[in-house]
N, C-alpha and C. Protein backbone atom coordinates (compact mmCIF):
# COMPACT_ATOMS: atom_id res chain seq x y z
N MET A 1 -10.44 17.69 20.76
CA MET A 1 -11.85 18.13 20.16
C MET A 1 -12.26 16.84 19.33
N VAL A 2 -13.33 16.33 19.26
CA VAL A 2 -14.01 15.29 18.51
C VAL A 2 -14.88 15.95 17.41
N LYS A 3 -14.63 15.58 16.19
CA LYS A 3 -15.41 16.10 15.12
C LYS A 3 -16.16 14.85 14.44
N LYS A 4 -17.42 15.27 14.22
CA LYS A 4 -18.33 14.18 13.47
C LYS A 4 -18.12 14.43 11.91
N LEU A 5 -17.79 13.16 11.38
CA LEU A 5 -17.84 13.44 9.59
C LEU A 5 -18.94 12.16 9.47
N PHE A 6 -19.58 12.53 8.38
CA PHE A 6 -20.62 11.54 7.67
C PHE A 6 -20.18 11.27 6.38
N TYR A 7 -20.28 9.87 6.13
CA TYR A 7 -19.94 9.46 4.88
C TYR A 7 -20.84 8.37 4.24
N ILE A 8 -20.89 8.39 2.84
CA ILE A 8 -21.73 7.55 2.06
C ILE A 8 -20.81 6.75 1.04
N VAL A 9 -21.19 5.51 0.96
CA VAL A 9 -20.39 4.61 0.36
C VAL A 9 -21.41 4.08 -1.06
N ASP A 10 -20.72 4.29 -2.09
CA ASP A 10 -21.31 3.70 -3.46
C ASP A 10 -20.37 2.76 -4.01
N LEU A 11 -20.68 1.83 -4.57
CA LEU A 11 -19.92 0.81 -5.27
C LEU A 11 -20.02 1.30 -6.79
N GLU A 12 -18.79 1.30 -7.42
CA GLU A 12 -18.69 1.65 -8.79
C GLU A 12 -19.16 0.39 -9.49
N LEU A 13 -20.12 0.60 -10.65
CA LEU A 13 -20.92 -0.48 -11.42
C LEU A 13 -20.62 -0.28 -12.88
N GLN A 14 -20.54 -1.28 -13.72
CA GLN A 14 -20.38 -1.19 -14.96
C GLN A 14 -21.29 -2.00 -15.57
N HIS A 15 -21.98 -1.67 -16.67
CA HIS A 15 -22.87 -2.51 -17.46
C HIS A 15 -22.15 -3.66 -18.44
N VAL A 16 -22.85 -4.70 -18.03
CA VAL A 16 -22.42 -6.04 -18.91
C VAL A 16 -23.60 -6.76 -19.39
N ASP A 17 -23.50 -6.65 -20.63
CA ASP A 17 -24.53 -7.52 -21.41
C ASP A 17 -26.09 -6.89 -21.07
N GLY A 18 -25.83 -5.53 -21.60
CA GLY A 18 -27.36 -4.78 -21.51
C GLY A 18 -27.67 -4.24 -20.09
N GLU A 19 -28.58 -4.76 -19.41
CA GLU A 19 -29.14 -4.19 -18.24
C GLU A 19 -28.52 -4.74 -16.93
N ILE A 20 -27.56 -5.85 -17.08
CA ILE A 20 -26.98 -6.33 -16.13
C ILE A 20 -25.57 -5.52 -15.60
N GLN A 21 -25.53 -5.33 -14.29
CA GLN A 21 -24.52 -4.44 -13.80
C GLN A 21 -23.73 -5.30 -12.87
N GLU A 22 -22.39 -4.89 -12.74
CA GLU A 22 -21.32 -5.70 -11.94
C GLU A 22 -20.41 -4.68 -11.18
N THR A 23 -19.90 -5.05 -10.21
CA THR A 23 -18.94 -4.14 -9.53
C THR A 23 -17.77 -4.05 -10.41
N THR A 24 -17.28 -2.85 -10.38
CA THR A 24 -15.73 -3.09 -10.91
C THR A 24 -14.42 -3.13 -9.82
N GLY A 25 -14.89 -3.40 -8.75
CA GLY A 25 -13.80 -3.64 -7.68
C GLY A 25 -13.39 -2.16 -7.09
N TRP A 26 -14.08 -1.01 -7.34
CA TRP A 26 -13.71 0.31 -6.61
C TRP A 26 -15.15 0.67 -5.91
N LYS A 27 -14.97 1.60 -5.04
CA LYS A 27 -15.91 2.08 -4.45
C LYS A 27 -15.90 3.69 -4.17
N TYR A 28 -16.61 4.46 -4.17
CA TYR A 28 -16.70 5.88 -3.97
C TYR A 28 -17.17 6.18 -2.48
N VAL A 29 -16.31 6.91 -1.60
CA VAL A 29 -16.52 7.33 -0.31
C VAL A 29 -16.58 8.84 -0.44
N ARG A 30 -17.96 9.37 -0.05
CA ARG A 30 -18.07 10.70 0.05
C ARG A 30 -18.29 11.18 1.29
N VAL A 31 -17.40 12.09 1.75
CA VAL A 31 -17.49 12.45 3.21
C VAL A 31 -18.06 13.86 3.31
N TYR A 32 -18.72 14.10 4.41
CA TYR A 32 -19.59 15.38 4.57
C TYR A 32 -19.17 15.83 6.27
N GLU A 33 -19.39 17.09 6.34
CA GLU A 33 -19.29 17.72 7.59
C GLU A 33 -20.40 18.70 7.87
N ILE A 34 -20.68 19.04 8.93
CA ILE A 34 -21.67 20.04 9.22
C ILE A 34 -20.85 21.42 9.65
N VAL A 35 -21.21 22.38 8.67
CA VAL A 35 -20.84 23.58 8.72
C VAL A 35 -21.97 24.81 8.79
N GLU A 36 -22.11 25.24 9.95
CA GLU A 36 -23.29 26.25 10.28
C GLU A 36 -24.45 25.72 9.77
N ASN A 37 -24.70 24.55 10.46
CA ASN A 37 -25.96 23.73 10.32
C ASN A 37 -26.22 23.28 9.03
N ASP A 38 -25.40 23.36 8.26
CA ASP A 38 -25.49 22.80 6.71
C ASP A 38 -24.58 21.73 6.28
N LEU A 39 -25.05 20.85 5.70
CA LEU A 39 -24.03 19.80 5.25
C LEU A 39 -23.07 20.11 4.17
N SER A 40 -21.93 19.87 4.31
CA SER A 40 -20.91 20.51 3.42
C SER A 40 -20.06 19.19 2.84
N SER A 41 -19.58 19.28 1.56
CA SER A 41 -18.90 18.25 1.33
C SER A 41 -17.37 18.39 1.70
N LEU A 42 -16.82 17.48 2.30
CA LEU A 42 -15.40 17.65 2.69
C LEU A 42 -14.45 16.95 1.69
N CYS A 43 -14.67 15.63 1.20
CA CYS A 43 -13.80 15.12 0.38
C CYS A 43 -14.56 13.92 -0.42
N ALA A 44 -13.99 13.39 -1.52
CA ALA A 44 -14.62 12.35 -2.25
C ALA A 44 -13.47 11.37 -2.38
N LEU A 45 -13.37 10.03 -2.23
CA LEU A 45 -12.35 9.09 -2.45
C LEU A 45 -12.73 8.14 -3.25
N GLU A 46 -11.80 7.53 -3.99
CA GLU A 46 -12.02 6.28 -4.86
C GLU A 46 -11.19 5.43 -4.40
N ILE A 47 -11.56 4.16 -3.82
CA ILE A 47 -10.75 3.33 -3.13
C ILE A 47 -11.13 1.94 -3.47
N ASP A 48 -10.37 0.96 -3.52
CA ASP A 48 -10.56 -0.47 -3.60
C ASP A 48 -11.76 -0.89 -2.66
N ILE A 49 -12.53 -1.83 -3.20
CA ILE A 49 -13.72 -2.21 -2.53
C ILE A 49 -13.48 -3.11 -1.34
N THR A 50 -12.14 -3.56 -1.19
CA THR A 50 -11.83 -4.22 0.15
C THR A 50 -11.32 -3.25 1.17
N ASP A 51 -10.87 -2.06 0.86
CA ASP A 51 -10.28 -1.30 1.70
C ASP A 51 -11.54 -0.83 2.69
N ASN A 52 -11.02 -0.63 4.13
CA ASN A 52 -11.80 -0.07 5.14
C ASN A 52 -12.15 1.33 4.73
N SER A 53 -13.31 1.62 4.66
CA SER A 53 -13.67 3.13 4.36
C SER A 53 -13.21 4.19 5.49
N GLU A 54 -13.53 3.88 6.68
CA GLU A 54 -13.13 4.80 7.60
C GLU A 54 -11.76 4.86 7.80
N GLU A 55 -10.80 3.78 7.59
CA GLU A 55 -9.43 3.85 7.72
C GLU A 55 -8.73 4.93 6.42
N ALA A 56 -9.51 4.84 5.29
CA ALA A 56 -9.08 5.36 4.02
C ALA A 56 -9.55 6.90 4.28
N ILE A 57 -10.64 7.33 5.01
CA ILE A 57 -10.83 8.65 5.19
C ILE A 57 -9.77 9.21 6.13
N GLN A 58 -9.47 8.37 7.30
CA GLN A 58 -8.62 8.95 8.36
C GLN A 58 -7.29 8.94 7.52
N GLU A 59 -6.72 8.29 6.63
CA GLU A 59 -5.45 8.36 6.04
C GLU A 59 -5.45 9.67 5.32
N TYR A 60 -6.60 10.03 4.54
CA TYR A 60 -6.65 11.20 3.83
C TYR A 60 -6.64 12.39 4.63
N LEU A 61 -7.27 12.36 5.69
CA LEU A 61 -7.14 13.56 6.61
C LEU A 61 -6.09 13.83 7.25
N ASP A 62 -5.09 12.79 7.51
CA ASP A 62 -3.86 12.67 8.25
C ASP A 62 -2.73 13.37 7.26
N GLU A 63 -3.13 13.55 6.02
CA GLU A 63 -2.20 14.34 5.03
C GLU A 63 -2.46 15.70 5.08
N ILE A 64 -3.56 16.33 5.57
CA ILE A 64 -3.85 17.49 5.68
C ILE A 64 -3.44 18.21 7.06
N GLU A 65 -2.70 19.19 6.91
CA GLU A 65 -2.15 19.71 8.19
C GLU A 65 -3.27 20.18 9.14
N MET A 66 -4.26 20.84 8.61
CA MET A 66 -5.26 21.51 9.60
C MET A 66 -6.10 20.47 10.19
N TYR A 67 -6.01 19.37 9.96
CA TYR A 67 -6.86 18.27 10.76
C TYR A 67 -5.89 17.44 11.83
N ASN A 68 -4.72 17.90 12.00
CA ASN A 68 -3.77 17.01 12.84
C ASN A 68 -4.27 16.84 14.15
N ASP A 69 -4.82 17.89 14.87
CA ASP A 69 -5.12 17.92 16.24
C ASP A 69 -6.58 17.67 16.49
N ILE A 70 -7.24 17.01 15.41
CA ILE A 70 -8.68 16.80 15.49
C ILE A 70 -8.84 15.29 15.50
N THR A 71 -9.63 14.65 16.57
CA THR A 71 -10.11 13.54 16.51
C THR A 71 -11.49 13.08 15.89
N PHE A 72 -11.64 12.24 14.92
CA PHE A 72 -12.75 12.25 14.35
C PHE A 72 -13.62 11.04 14.58
N GLU A 73 -14.80 11.30 14.34
CA GLU A 73 -16.17 10.33 14.84
C GLU A 73 -16.77 10.21 13.45
N PHE A 74 -16.57 8.78 12.77
CA PHE A 74 -17.03 8.63 11.49
C PHE A 74 -18.49 7.95 11.54
N ILE A 75 -19.61 8.51 10.87
CA ILE A 75 -20.90 7.84 10.68
C ILE A 75 -21.18 7.65 9.29
N GLU A 76 -21.55 6.47 9.09
CA GLU A 76 -22.03 6.11 7.72
C GLU A 76 -23.45 6.38 7.74
N LEU A 77 -23.80 7.04 6.57
CA LEU A 77 -25.16 7.17 6.14
C LEU A 77 -25.86 6.21 5.07
């Protein structure tokens, strides 16, 4: 079975010198699934900015037993 998961990546920013922002080296990855035709939050990860988002999501899901037999398709929004 293939299950589609949708994700959004936001860079973590910090204010430097007033209005100037710079990245902190981290990013937030928010993952969603469709449940009964509604978007439902599955998880939120904070990972290093250089890490592959889809690999991080898959590693997280691999640790959850109920997702062991499911193949995921990741779609970035």
